[in-house]
Amino acid sequence: MGKWVDDYTFVAQTNGTDDRTWLDKGGRLHSNELVVEEQFHRASHDLLELTVTINDPKMYAKPWVALNKFPIKLLPDDFDVREMMCSVSEFMEYNKAMGFGNPTLGTDGKK
């Protein structure tokens, strides 16, 4: 869910996440009560600031800021966004399609 709080700031809240996932690559856990707030603020014509706040009362004593005013700059019109894989199943499907095999298996094909 998101809303504009003024002409230059949009705030989105996410809840209902699967508690079997991690918050980040560092393995920080979360519960089913996690609420992530992302604030996008247009600081200037070509600068967007992102602030991410984590609130999970089951796992953390108080809300904490994961990113504070992370700058996002406007890119040239001819810039092309790279495709990104977001889940293990996407990585596995990509590896299979590209003929890389299963990275969890050894070179002999056994675990």
PDB file of N, CA and C in Angstrom:
ATOM      1  N   MET A   1       0.845  -1.165   0.000  1.00  0.00           N
ATOM      2  CA  MET A   1       0.000   0.000   0.000  1.00  0.00           C
ATOM      3  C   MET A   1       0.893   1.231   0.000  1.00  0.00           C
ATOM      4  N   GLY A   2       0.541   2.237  -0.751  1.00  0.00           N
ATOM      5  CA  GLY A   2       1.341   3.444  -0.795  1.00  0.00           C
ATOM      6  C   GLY A   2       0.483   4.687  -0.927  1.00  0.00           C
ATOM      7  N   LYS A   3       1.107   5.821  -0.574  1.00  0.00           N
ATOM      8  CA  LYS A   3       0.385   7.089  -0.695  1.00  0.00           C
ATOM      9  C   LYS A   3       1.385   8.231  -0.830  1.00  0.00           C
ATOM     10  N   TRP A   4       0.949   9.281  -1.488  1.00  0.00           N
ATOM     11  CA  TRP A   4       1.730  10.503  -1.566  1.00  0.00           C
ATOM     12  C   TRP A   4       1.495  11.287  -0.289  1.00  0.00           C
ATOM     13  N   VAL A   5       2.582  11.707   0.378  1.00  0.00           N
ATOM     14  CA  VAL A   5       2.437  12.513   1.595  1.00  0.00           C
ATOM     15  C   VAL A   5       2.622  13.997   1.293  1.00  0.00           C
ATOM     16  N   ASP A   6       3.266  14.307   0.169  1.00  0.00           N
ATOM     17  CA  ASP A   6       3.343  15.668  -0.352  1.00  0.00           C
ATOM     18  C   ASP A   6       3.698  15.569  -1.839  1.00  0.00           C
ATOM     19  N   ASP A   7       3.968  16.681  -2.473  1.00  0.00           N
ATOM     20  CA  ASP A   7       4.232  16.684  -3.920  1.00  0.00           C
ATOM     21  C   ASP A   7       5.503  15.945  -4.312  1.00  0.00           C
ATOM     22  N   TYR A   8       6.405  15.709  -3.364  1.00  0.00           N
ATOM     23  CA  TYR A   8       7.707  15.128  -3.682  1.00  0.00           C
ATOM     24  C   TYR A   8       8.022  13.834  -2.930  1.00  0.00           C
ATOM     25  N   THR A   9       7.087  13.337  -2.136  1.00  0.00           N
ATOM     26  CA  THR A   9       7.370  12.179  -1.290  1.00  0.00           C
ATOM     27  C   THR A   9       6.270  11.128  -1.396  1.00  0.00           C
ATOM     28  N   PHE A  10       6.666   9.927  -1.761  1.00  0.00           N
ATOM     29  CA  PHE A  10       5.746   8.781  -1.831  1.00  0.00           C
ATOM     30  C   PHE A  10       6.205   7.763  -0.789  1.00  0.00           C
ATOM     31  N   VAL A  11       5.267   7.246   0.017  1.00  0.00           N
ATOM     32  CA  VAL A  11       5.580   6.262   1.054  1.00  0.00           C
ATOM     33  C   VAL A  11       4.792   4.992   0.765  1.00  0.00           C
ATOM     34  N   ALA A  12       5.519   3.865   0.707  1.00  0.00           N
ATOM     35  CA  ALA A  12       4.892   2.559   0.476  1.00  0.00           C
ATOM     36  C   ALA A  12       5.159   1.672   1.686  1.00  0.00           C
ATOM     37  N   GLN A  13       4.132   0.943   2.117  1.00  0.00           N
ATOM     38  CA  GLN A  13       4.280  -0.017   3.215  1.00  0.00           C
ATOM     39  C   GLN A  13       3.984  -1.412   2.696  1.00  0.00           C
ATOM     40  N   THR A  14       4.828  -2.344   3.100  1.00  0.00           N
ATOM     41  CA  THR A  14       4.659  -3.745   2.722  1.00  0.00           C
ATOM     42  C   THR A  14       4.516  -4.575   3.979  1.00  0.00           C
ATOM     43  N   ASN A  15       3.503  -5.448   3.988  1.00  0.00           N
ATOM     44  CA  ASN A  15       3.348  -6.396   5.093  1.00  0.00           C
ATOM     45  C   ASN A  15       2.890  -7.725   4.511  1.00  0.00           C
ATOM     46  N   GLY A  16       2.732  -8.721   5.357  1.00  0.00           N
ATOM     47  CA  GLY A  16       2.278 -10.027   4.886  1.00  0.00           C
ATOM     48  C   GLY A  16       3.363 -10.824   4.189  1.00  0.00           C
ATOM     49  N   THR A  17       4.617 -10.561   4.501  1.00  0.00           N
ATOM     50  CA  THR A  17       5.712 -11.288   3.858  1.00  0.00           C
ATOM     51  C   THR A  17       5.865 -12.680   4.451  1.00  0.00           C
ATOM     52  N   ASP A  18       6.437 -13.565   3.680  1.00  0.00           N
ATOM     53  CA  ASP A  18       6.682 -14.943   4.093  1.00  0.00           C
ATOM     54  C   ASP A  18       7.825 -14.954   5.107  1.00  0.00           C
ATOM     55  N   ASP A  19       7.571 -15.414   6.323  1.00  0.00           N
ATOM     56  CA  ASP A  19       8.605 -15.368   7.366  1.00  0.00           C
ATOM     57  C   ASP A  19       9.702 -16.417   7.180  1.00  0.00           C
ATOM     58  N   ARG A  20       9.658 -17.196   6.111  1.00  0.00           N
ATOM     59  CA  ARG A  20      10.736 -18.142   5.813  1.00  0.00           C
ATOM     60  C   ARG A  20      11.871 -17.468   5.041  1.00  0.00           C
ATOM     61  N   THR A  21      11.685 -16.196   4.691  1.00  0.00           N
ATOM     62  CA  THR A  21      12.711 -15.473   3.935  1.00  0.00           C
ATOM     63  C   THR A  21      13.590 -14.660   4.880  1.00  0.00           C
ATOM     64  N   TRP A  22      14.642 -14.080   4.336  1.00  0.00           N
ATOM     65  CA  TRP A  22      15.522 -13.197   5.088  1.00  0.00           C
ATOM     66  C   TRP A  22      15.282 -11.766   4.657  1.00  0.00           C
ATOM     67  N   LEU A  23      15.677 -10.843   5.518  1.00  0.00           N
ATOM     68  CA  LEU A  23      15.596  -9.425   5.171  1.00  0.00           C
ATOM     69  C   LEU A  23      16.677  -9.036   4.172  1.00  0.00           C
ATOM     70  N   ASP A  24      17.827  -9.686   4.256  1.00  0.00           N
ATOM     71  CA  ASP A  24      18.960  -9.313   3.414  1.00  0.00           C
ATOM     72  C   ASP A  24      19.893 -10.505   3.222  1.00  0.00           C
ATOM     73  N   LYS A  25      20.959 -10.299   2.466  1.00  0.00           N
ATOM     74  CA  LYS A  25      21.920 -11.371   2.213  1.00  0.00           C
ATOM     75  C   LYS A  25      22.710 -11.745   3.454  1.00  0.00           C
ATOM     76  N   GLY A  26      22.658 -10.903   4.496  1.00  0.00           N
ATOM     77  CA  GLY A  26      23.326 -11.197   5.762  1.00  0.00           C
ATOM     78  C   GLY A  26      22.563 -12.215   6.597  1.00  0.00           C
ATOM     79  N   GLY A  27      21.352 -12.571   6.171  1.00  0.00           N
ATOM     80  CA  GLY A  27      20.569 -13.577   6.874  1.00  0.00           C
ATOM     81  C   GLY A  27      19.754 -13.056   8.041  1.00  0.00           C
ATOM     82  N   ARG A  28      19.470 -11.765   8.076  1.00  0.00           N
ATOM     83  CA  ARG A  28      18.644 -11.229   9.161  1.00  0.00           C
ATOM     84  C   ARG A  28      17.230 -11.778   9.029  1.00  0.00           C
ATOM     85  N   LEU A  29      16.760 -12.345  10.116  1.00  0.00           N
ATOM     86  CA  LEU A  29      15.438 -12.980  10.124  1.00  0.00           C
ATOM     87  C   LEU A  29      14.342 -11.951  10.358  1.00  0.00           C
ATOM     88  N   HIS A  30      13.119 -12.359  10.067  1.00  0.00           N
ATOM     89  CA  HIS A  30      11.947 -11.543  10.376  1.00  0.00           C
ATOM     90  C   HIS A  30      10.783 -12.463  10.662  1.00  0.00           C
ATOM     91  N   SER A  31       9.745 -11.910  11.269  1.00  0.00           N
ATOM     92  CA  SER A  31       8.543 -12.686  11.578  1.00  0.00           C
ATOM     93  C   SER A  31       7.431 -12.327  10.597  1.00  0.00           C
ATOM     94  N   ASN A  32       6.277 -12.907  10.826  1.00  0.00           N
ATOM     95  CA  ASN A  32       5.121 -12.593   9.985  1.00  0.00           C
ATOM     96  C   ASN A  32       4.524 -11.229  10.315  1.00  0.00           C
ATOM     97  N   GLU A  33       5.072 -10.549  11.314  1.00  0.00           N
ATOM     98  CA  GLU A  33       4.597  -9.206  11.682  1.00  0.00           C
ATOM     99  C   GLU A  33       5.448  -8.089  11.057  1.00  0.00           C
ATOM    100  N   LEU A  34       6.373  -8.457  10.178  1.00  0.00           N
ATOM    101  CA  LEU A  34       7.244  -7.476   9.542  1.00  0.00           C
ATOM    102  C   LEU A  34       6.442  -6.454   8.729  1.00  0.00           C
ATOM    103  N   VAL A  35       6.786  -5.185   8.912  1.00  0.00           N
ATOM    104  CA  VAL A  35       6.268  -4.108   8.078  1.00  0.00           C
ATOM    105  C   VAL A  35       7.489  -3.330   7.571  1.00  0.00           C
ATOM    106  N   VAL A  36       7.596  -3.220   6.262  1.00  0.00           N
ATOM    107  CA  VAL A  36       8.685  -2.464   5.640  1.00  0.00           C
ATOM    108  C   VAL A  36       8.086  -1.190   5.066  1.00  0.00           C
ATOM    109  N   GLU A  37       8.672  -0.051   5.452  1.00  0.00           N
ATOM    110  CA  GLU A  37       8.229   1.230   4.911  1.00  0.00           C
ATOM    111  C   GLU A  37       9.333   1.787   4.027  1.00  0.00           C
ATOM    112  N   GLU A  38       8.972   2.102   2.784  1.00  0.00           N
ATOM    113  CA  GLU A  38       9.908   2.703   1.840  1.00  0.00           C
ATOM    114  C   GLU A  38       9.428   4.110   1.530  1.00  0.00           C
ATOM    115  N   GLN A  39      10.306   5.079   1.770  1.00  0.00           N
ATOM    116  CA  GLN A  39       9.971   6.474   1.485  1.00  0.00           C
ATOM    117  C   GLN A  39      10.826   6.953   0.325  1.00  0.00           C
ATOM    118  N   PHE A  40      10.160   7.330  -0.752  1.00  0.00           N
ATOM    119  CA  PHE A  40      10.819   7.854  -1.942  1.00  0.00           C
ATOM    120  C   PHE A  40      10.607   9.364  -1.954  1.00  0.00           C
ATOM    121  N   HIS A  41      11.716  10.108  -1.909  1.00  0.00           N
ATOM    122  CA  HIS A  41      11.619  11.565  -1.865  1.00  0.00           C
ATOM    123  C   HIS A  41      12.411  12.163  -3.017  1.00  0.00           C
ATOM    124  N   ARG A  42      11.740  12.957  -3.841  1.00  0.00           N
ATOM    125  CA  ARG A  42      12.395  13.617  -4.974  1.00  0.00           C
ATOM    126  C   ARG A  42      13.116  14.849  -4.450  1.00  0.00           C
ATOM    127  N   ALA A  43      14.431  14.723  -4.262  1.00  0.00           N
ATOM    128  CA  ALA A  43      15.221  15.811  -3.689  1.00  0.00           C
ATOM    129  C   ALA A  43      15.502  16.901  -4.725  1.00  0.00           C
ATOM    130  N   SER A  44      15.682  16.490  -5.983  1.00  0.00           N
ATOM    131  CA  SER A  44      15.920  17.448  -7.064  1.00  0.00           C
ATOM    132  C   SER A  44      15.500  16.779  -8.373  1.00  0.00           C
ATOM    133  N   HIS A  45      15.715  17.462  -9.487  1.00  0.00           N
ATOM    134  CA  HIS A  45      15.302  16.926 -10.784  1.00  0.00           C
ATOM    135  C   HIS A  45      15.851  15.538 -11.052  1.00  0.00           C
ATOM    136  N   ASP A  46      17.133  15.323 -10.749  1.00  0.00           N
ATOM    137  CA  ASP A  46      17.745  14.035 -11.085  1.00  0.00           C
ATOM    138  C   ASP A  46      18.209  13.245  -9.866  1.00  0.00           C
ATOM    139  N   LEU A  47      17.647  13.549  -8.691  1.00  0.00           N
ATOM    140  CA  LEU A  47      18.029  12.825  -7.478  1.00  0.00           C
ATOM    141  C   LEU A  47      16.795  12.402  -6.683  1.00  0.00           C
ATOM    142  N   LEU A  48      16.667  11.096  -6.503  1.00  0.00           N
ATOM    143  CA  LEU A  48      15.603  10.505  -5.695  1.00  0.00           C
ATOM    144  C   LEU A  48      16.260   9.885  -4.472  1.00  0.00           C
ATOM    145  N   GLU A  49      15.739  10.172  -3.290  1.00  0.00           N
ATOM    146  CA  GLU A  49      16.283   9.590  -2.063  1.00  0.00           C
ATOM    147  C   GLU A  49      15.339   8.501  -1.571  1.00  0.00           C
ATOM    148  N   LEU A  50      15.921   7.361  -1.193  1.00  0.00           N
ATOM    149  CA  LEU A  50      15.148   6.229  -0.682  1.00  0.00           C
ATOM    150  C   LEU A  50      15.542   5.967   0.761  1.00  0.00           C
ATOM    151  N   THR A  51      14.550   5.925   1.640  1.00  0.00           N
ATOM    152  CA  THR A  51      14.757   5.550   3.038  1.00  0.00           C
ATOM    153  C   THR A  51      13.881   4.337   3.314  1.00  0.00           C
ATOM    154  N   VAL A  52      14.502   3.267   3.861  1.00  0.00           N
ATOM    155  CA  VAL A  52      13.783   2.033   4.164  1.00  0.00           C
ATOM    156  C   VAL A  52      13.815   1.800   5.666  1.00  0.00           C
ATOM    157  N   THR A  53      12.636   1.660   6.271  1.00  0.00           N
ATOM    158  CA  THR A  53      12.525   1.416   7.706  1.00  0.00           C
ATOM    159  C   THR A  53      11.904   0.046   7.937  1.00  0.00           C
ATOM    160  N   ILE A  54      12.535  -0.734   8.822  1.00  0.00           N
ATOM    161  CA  ILE A  54      12.097  -2.085   9.165  1.00  0.00           C
ATOM    162  C   ILE A  54      11.418  -2.037  10.529  1.00  0.00           C
ATOM    163  N   ASN A  55      10.207  -2.573  10.616  1.00  0.00           N
ATOM    164  CA  ASN A  55       9.502  -2.647  11.892  1.00  0.00           C
ATOM    165  C   ASN A  55       8.960  -4.062  12.048  1.00  0.00           C
ATOM    166  N   ASP A  56       9.512  -4.787  13.019  1.00  0.00           N
ATOM    167  CA  ASP A  56       9.077  -6.155  13.302  1.00  0.00           C
ATOM    168  C   ASP A  56       9.149  -6.363  14.806  1.00  0.00           C
ATOM    169  N   PRO A  57       8.043  -6.069  15.521  1.00  0.00           N
ATOM    170  CA  PRO A  57       8.062  -6.123  16.989  1.00  0.00           C
ATOM    171  C   PRO A  57       8.351  -7.507  17.570  1.00  0.00           C
ATOM    172  N   LYS A  58       8.126  -8.563  16.817  1.00  0.00           N
ATOM    173  CA  LYS A  58       8.445  -9.908  17.304  1.00  0.00           C
ATOM    174  C   LYS A  58       9.954 -10.184  17.298  1.00  0.00           C
ATOM    175  N   MET A  59      10.667  -9.581  16.348  1.00  0.00           N
ATOM    176  CA  MET A  59      12.087  -9.888  16.170  1.00  0.00           C
ATOM    177  C   MET A  59      13.029  -8.784  16.659  1.00  0.00           C
ATOM    178  N   TYR A  60      12.570  -7.532  16.657  1.00  0.00           N
ATOM    179  CA  TYR A  60      13.452  -6.413  16.979  1.00  0.00           C
ATOM    180  C   TYR A  60      12.810  -5.516  18.031  1.00  0.00           C
ATOM    181  N   ALA A  61      13.631  -4.994  18.950  1.00  0.00           N
ATOM    182  CA  ALA A  61      13.135  -4.188  20.066  1.00  0.00           C
ATOM    183  C   ALA A  61      12.494  -2.882  19.601  1.00  0.00           C
ATOM    184  N   LYS A  62      12.980  -2.348  18.485  1.00  0.00           N
ATOM    185  CA  LYS A  62      12.409  -1.112  17.965  1.00  0.00           C
ATOM    186  C   LYS A  62      12.615  -1.072  16.450  1.00  0.00           C
ATOM    187  N   PRO A  63      11.858  -0.232  15.749  1.00  0.00           N
ATOM    188  CA  PRO A  63      12.072  -0.100  14.302  1.00  0.00           C
ATOM    189  C   PRO A  63      13.493   0.396  14.024  1.00  0.00           C
ATOM    190  N   TRP A  64      14.030   0.013  12.876  1.00  0.00           N
ATOM    191  CA  TRP A  64      15.376   0.466  12.496  1.00  0.00           C
ATOM    192  C   TRP A  64      15.409   0.827  11.024  1.00  0.00           C
ATOM    193  N   VAL A  65      16.324   1.724  10.699  1.00  0.00           N
ATOM    194  CA  VAL A  65      16.453   2.226   9.337  1.00  0.00           C
ATOM    195  C   VAL A  65      17.508   1.406   8.605  1.00  0.00           C
ATOM    196  N   ALA A  66      17.078   0.711   7.555  1.00  0.00           N
ATOM    197  CA  ALA A  66      17.982  -0.128   6.774  1.00  0.00           C
ATOM    198  C   ALA A  66      18.757   0.710   5.759  1.00  0.00           C
ATOM    199  N   LEU A  67      18.118   1.677   5.159  1.00  0.00           N
ATOM    200  CA  LEU A  67      18.746   2.616   4.220  1.00  0.00           C
ATOM    201  C   LEU A  67      18.254   3.997   4.581  1.00  0.00           C
ATOM    202  N   ASN A  68      19.158   4.954   4.646  1.00  0.00           N
ATOM    203  CA  ASN A  68      18.743   6.314   4.955  1.00  0.00           C
ATOM    204  C   ASN A  68      19.247   7.268   3.879  1.00  0.00           C
ATOM    205  N   LYS A  69      18.316   7.783   3.104  1.00  0.00           N
ATOM    206  CA  LYS A  69      18.618   8.726   2.030  1.00  0.00           C
ATOM    207  C   LYS A  69      19.606   8.143   1.024  1.00  0.00           C
ATOM    208  N   PHE A  70      19.357   6.917   0.612  1.00  0.00           N
ATOM    209  CA  PHE A  70      20.145   6.282  -0.435  1.00  0.00           C
ATOM    210  C   PHE A  70      19.859   7.013  -1.740  1.00  0.00           C
ATOM    211  N   PRO A  71      20.887   7.595  -2.386  1.00  0.00           N
ATOM    212  CA  PRO A  71      20.621   8.384  -3.597  1.00  0.00           C
ATOM    213  C   PRO A  71      20.397   7.512  -4.832  1.00  0.00           C
ATOM    214  N   ILE A  72      19.418   7.893  -5.607  1.00  0.00           N
ATOM    215  CA  ILE A  72      19.135   7.250  -6.887  1.00  0.00           C
ATOM    216  C   ILE A  72      19.166   8.356  -7.933  1.00  0.00           C
ATOM    217  N   LYS A  73      20.114   8.266  -8.858  1.00  0.00           N
ATOM    218  CA  LYS A  73      20.285   9.322  -9.861  1.00  0.00           C
ATOM    219  C   LYS A  73      19.578   8.960 -11.160  1.00  0.00           C
ATOM    220  N   LEU A  74      19.081   9.976 -11.833  1.00  0.00           N
ATOM    221  CA  LEU A  74      18.449   9.818 -13.134  1.00  0.00           C
ATOM    222  C   LEU A  74      19.497   9.392 -14.157  1.00  0.00           C
ATOM    223  N   LEU A  75      19.207   8.348 -14.909  1.00  0.00           N
ATOM    224  CA  LEU A  75      20.148   7.824 -15.903  1.00  0.00           C
ATOM    225  C   LEU A  75      19.789   8.328 -17.291  1.00  0.00           C
ATOM    226  N   PRO A  76      20.738   8.244 -18.239  1.00  0.00           N
ATOM    227  CA  PRO A  76      20.461   8.711 -19.606  1.00  0.00           C
ATOM    228  C   PRO A  76      19.284   7.967 -20.233  1.00  0.00           C
ATOM    229  N   ASP A  77      18.637   8.599 -21.199  1.00  0.00           N
ATOM    230  CA  ASP A  77      17.467   8.004 -21.860  1.00  0.00           C
ATOM    231  C   ASP A  77      17.777   6.670 -22.531  1.00  0.00           C
ATOM    232  N   ASP A  78      19.016   6.470 -22.975  1.00  0.00           N
ATOM    233  CA  ASP A  78      19.364   5.235 -23.678  1.00  0.00           C
ATOM    234  C   ASP A  78      19.824   4.121 -22.741  1.00  0.00           C
ATOM    235  N   PHE A  79      19.730   4.325 -21.419  1.00  0.00           N
ATOM    236  CA  PHE A  79      20.139   3.309 -20.456  1.00  0.00           C
ATOM    237  C   PHE A  79      19.142   2.150 -20.451  1.00  0.00           C
ATOM    238  N   ASP A  80      19.651   0.916 -20.402  1.00  0.00           N
ATOM    239  CA  ASP A  80      18.806  -0.273 -20.392  1.00  0.00           C
ATOM    240  C   ASP A  80      19.006  -1.013 -19.067  1.00  0.00           C
ATOM    241  N   VAL A  81      17.930  -1.330 -18.387  1.00  0.00           N
ATOM    242  CA  VAL A  81      17.989  -2.026 -17.101  1.00  0.00           C
ATOM    243  C   VAL A  81      18.319  -3.498 -17.331  1.00  0.00           C
ATOM    244  N   ARG A  82      19.293  -4.014 -16.557  1.00  0.00           N
ATOM    245  CA  ARG A  82      19.647  -5.428 -16.654  1.00  0.00           C
ATOM    246  C   ARG A  82      18.561  -6.293 -16.019  1.00  0.00           C
ATOM    247  N   GLU A  83      18.370  -7.486 -16.569  1.00  0.00           N
ATOM    248  CA  GLU A  83      17.448  -8.440 -15.981  1.00  0.00           C
ATOM    249  C   GLU A  83      18.061  -8.968 -14.699  1.00  0.00           C
ATOM    250  N   MET A  84      17.241  -9.115 -13.654  1.00  0.00           N
ATOM    251  CA  MET A  84      17.744  -9.604 -12.367  1.00  0.00           C
ATOM    252  C   MET A  84      16.917 -10.790 -11.905  1.00  0.00           C
ATOM    253  N   MET A  85      17.587 -11.777 -11.347  1.00  0.00           N
ATOM    254  CA  MET A  85      16.919 -12.942 -10.780  1.00  0.00           C
ATOM    255  C   MET A  85      16.661 -12.676  -9.297  1.00  0.00           C
ATOM    256  N   CYS A  86      15.449 -12.950  -8.839  1.00  0.00           N
ATOM    257  CA  CYS A  86      15.095 -12.618  -7.465  1.00  0.00           C
ATOM    258  C   CYS A  86      14.959 -13.829  -6.548  1.00  0.00           C
ATOM    259  N   SER A  87      14.770 -15.011  -7.084  1.00  0.00           N
ATOM    260  CA  SER A  87      14.548 -16.163  -6.218  1.00  0.00           C
ATOM    261  C   SER A  87      15.443 -17.323  -6.632  1.00  0.00           C
ATOM    262  N   VAL A  88      15.633 -18.238  -5.703  1.00  0.00           N
ATOM    263  CA  VAL A  88      16.455 -19.415  -5.980  1.00  0.00           C
ATOM    264  C   VAL A  88      15.883 -20.203  -7.150  1.00  0.00           C
ATOM    265  N   SER A  89      14.558 -20.319  -7.219  1.00  0.00           N
ATOM    266  CA  SER A  89      13.956 -21.080  -8.314  1.00  0.00           C
ATOM    267  C   SER A  89      14.242 -20.430  -9.669  1.00  0.00           C
ATOM    268  N   GLU A  90      14.298 -19.088  -9.716  1.00  0.00           N
ATOM    269  CA  GLU A  90      14.646 -18.410 -10.968  1.00  0.00           C
ATOM    270  C   GLU A  90      16.093 -18.695 -11.351  1.00  0.00           C
ATOM    271  N   PHE A  91      17.006 -18.682 -10.352  1.00  0.00           N
ATOM    272  CA  PHE A  91      18.408 -19.010 -10.629  1.00  0.00           C
ATOM    273  C   PHE A  91      18.535 -20.432 -11.160  1.00  0.00           C
ATOM    274  N   MET A  92      17.832 -21.357 -10.519  1.00  0.00           N
ATOM    275  CA  MET A  92      17.905 -22.763 -10.917  1.00  0.00           C
ATOM    276  C   MET A  92      17.370 -22.947 -12.338  1.00  0.00           C
ATOM    277  N   GLU A  93      16.263 -22.296 -12.658  1.00  0.00           N
ATOM    278  CA  GLU A  93      15.680 -22.394 -13.996  1.00  0.00           C
ATOM    279  C   GLU A  93      16.628 -21.803 -15.041  1.00  0.00           C
ATOM    280  N   TYR A  94      17.237 -20.673 -14.706  1.00  0.00           N
ATOM    281  CA  TYR A  94      18.191 -20.042 -15.617  1.00  0.00           C
ATOM    282  C   TYR A  94      19.398 -20.955 -15.845  1.00  0.00           C
ATOM    283  N   ASN A  95      19.952 -21.493 -14.768  1.00  0.00           N
ATOM    284  CA  ASN A  95      21.112 -22.386 -14.890  1.00  0.00           C
ATOM    285  C   ASN A  95      20.780 -23.606 -15.745  1.00  0.00           C
ATOM    286  N   LYS A  96      19.571 -24.146 -15.552  1.00  0.00           N
ATOM    287  CA  LYS A  96      19.140 -25.308 -16.327  1.00  0.00           C
ATOM    288  C   LYS A  96      19.028 -24.946 -17.813  1.00  0.00           C
ATOM    289  N   ALA A  97      18.409 -23.804 -18.099  1.00  0.00           N
ATOM    290  CA  ALA A  97      18.218 -23.369 -19.490  1.00  0.00           C
ATOM    291  C   ALA A  97      19.555 -23.080 -20.176  1.00  0.00           C
ATOM    292  N   MET A  98      20.522 -22.595 -19.413  1.00  0.00           N
ATOM    293  CA  MET A  98      21.822 -22.248 -19.978  1.00  0.00           C
ATOM    294  C   MET A  98      22.782 -23.447 -20.002  1.00  0.00           C
ATOM    295  N   GLY A  99      22.338 -24.584 -19.452  1.00  0.00           N
ATOM    296  CA  GLY A  99      23.173 -25.774 -19.463  1.00  0.00           C
ATOM    297  C   GLY A  99      24.239 -25.789 -18.380  1.00  0.00           C
ATOM    298  N   PHE A 100      24.055 -24.981 -17.322  1.00  0.00           N
ATOM    299  CA  PHE A 100      25.042 -24.930 -16.245  1.00  0.00           C
ATOM    300  C   PHE A 100      24.859 -26.056 -15.239  1.00  0.00           C
ATOM    301  N   GLY A 101      23.711 -26.706 -15.257  1.00  0.00           N
ATOM    302  CA  GLY A 101      23.462 -27.782 -14.305  1.00  0.00           C
ATOM    303  C   GLY A 101      23.036 -27.250 -12.954  1.00  0.00           C
ATOM    304  N   ASN A 102      23.137 -28.114 -11.967  1.00  0.00           N
ATOM    305  CA  ASN A 102      22.710 -27.782 -10.610  1.00  0.00           C
ATOM    306  C   ASN A 102      23.936 -27.391  -9.793  1.00  0.00           C
ATOM    307  N   PRO A 103      24.049 -26.123  -9.327  1.00  0.00           N
ATOM    308  CA  PRO A 103      25.235 -25.701  -8.589  1.00  0.00           C
ATOM    309  C   PRO A 103      25.382 -26.361  -7.226  1.00  0.00           C
ATOM    310  N   THR A 104      24.334 -27.031  -6.724  1.00  0.00           N
ATOM    311  CA  THR A 104      24.446 -27.717  -5.433  1.00  0.00           C
ATOM    312  C   THR A 104      25.058 -29.094  -5.573  1.00  0.00           C
ATOM    313  N   LEU A 105      25.247 -29.552  -6.813  1.00  0.00           N
ATOM    314  CA  LEU A 105      25.870 -30.846  -7.038  1.00  0.00           C
ATOM    315  C   LEU A 105      27.351 -30.674  -7.336  1.00  0.00           C
ATOM    316  N   GLY A 106      28.122 -31.698  -7.038  1.00  0.00           N
ATOM    317  CA  GLY A 106      29.544 -31.670  -7.343  1.00  0.00           C
ATOM    318  C   GLY A 106      29.771 -31.848  -8.837  1.00  0.00           C
ATOM    319  N   THR A 107      31.036 -31.837  -9.246  1.00  0.00           N
ATOM    320  CA  THR A 107      31.350 -31.977 -10.661  1.00  0.00           C
ATOM    321  C   THR A 107      30.977 -33.354 -11.208  1.00  0.00           C
ATOM    322  N   ASP A 108      30.850 -34.345 -10.280  1.00  0.00           N
ATOM    323  CA  ASP A 108      30.468 -35.685 -10.734  1.00  0.00           C
ATOM    324  C   ASP A 108      28.958 -35.866 -10.762  1.00  0.00           C
ATOM    325  N   GLY A 109      28.191 -34.798 -10.438  1.00  0.00           N
ATOM    326  CA  GLY A 109      26.721 -34.867 -10.458  1.00  0.00           C
ATOM    327  C   GLY A 109      26.120 -35.423  -9.194  1.00  0.00           C
ATOM    328  N   LYS A 110      26.961 -35.644  -8.152  1.00  0.00           N
ATOM    329  CA  LYS A 110      26.455 -36.165  -6.865  1.00  0.00           C
ATOM    330  C   LYS A 110      26.599 -35.102  -5.795  1.00  0.00           C
ATOM    331  N   LYS A 111      25.698 -35.189  -4.816  1.00  0.00           N
ATOM    332  CA  LYS A 111      25.739 -34.227  -3.705  1.00  0.00           C
ATOM    333  C   LYS A 111      26.900 -34.520  -2.804  1.00  0.00           C
TER     334      LYS A 111
END
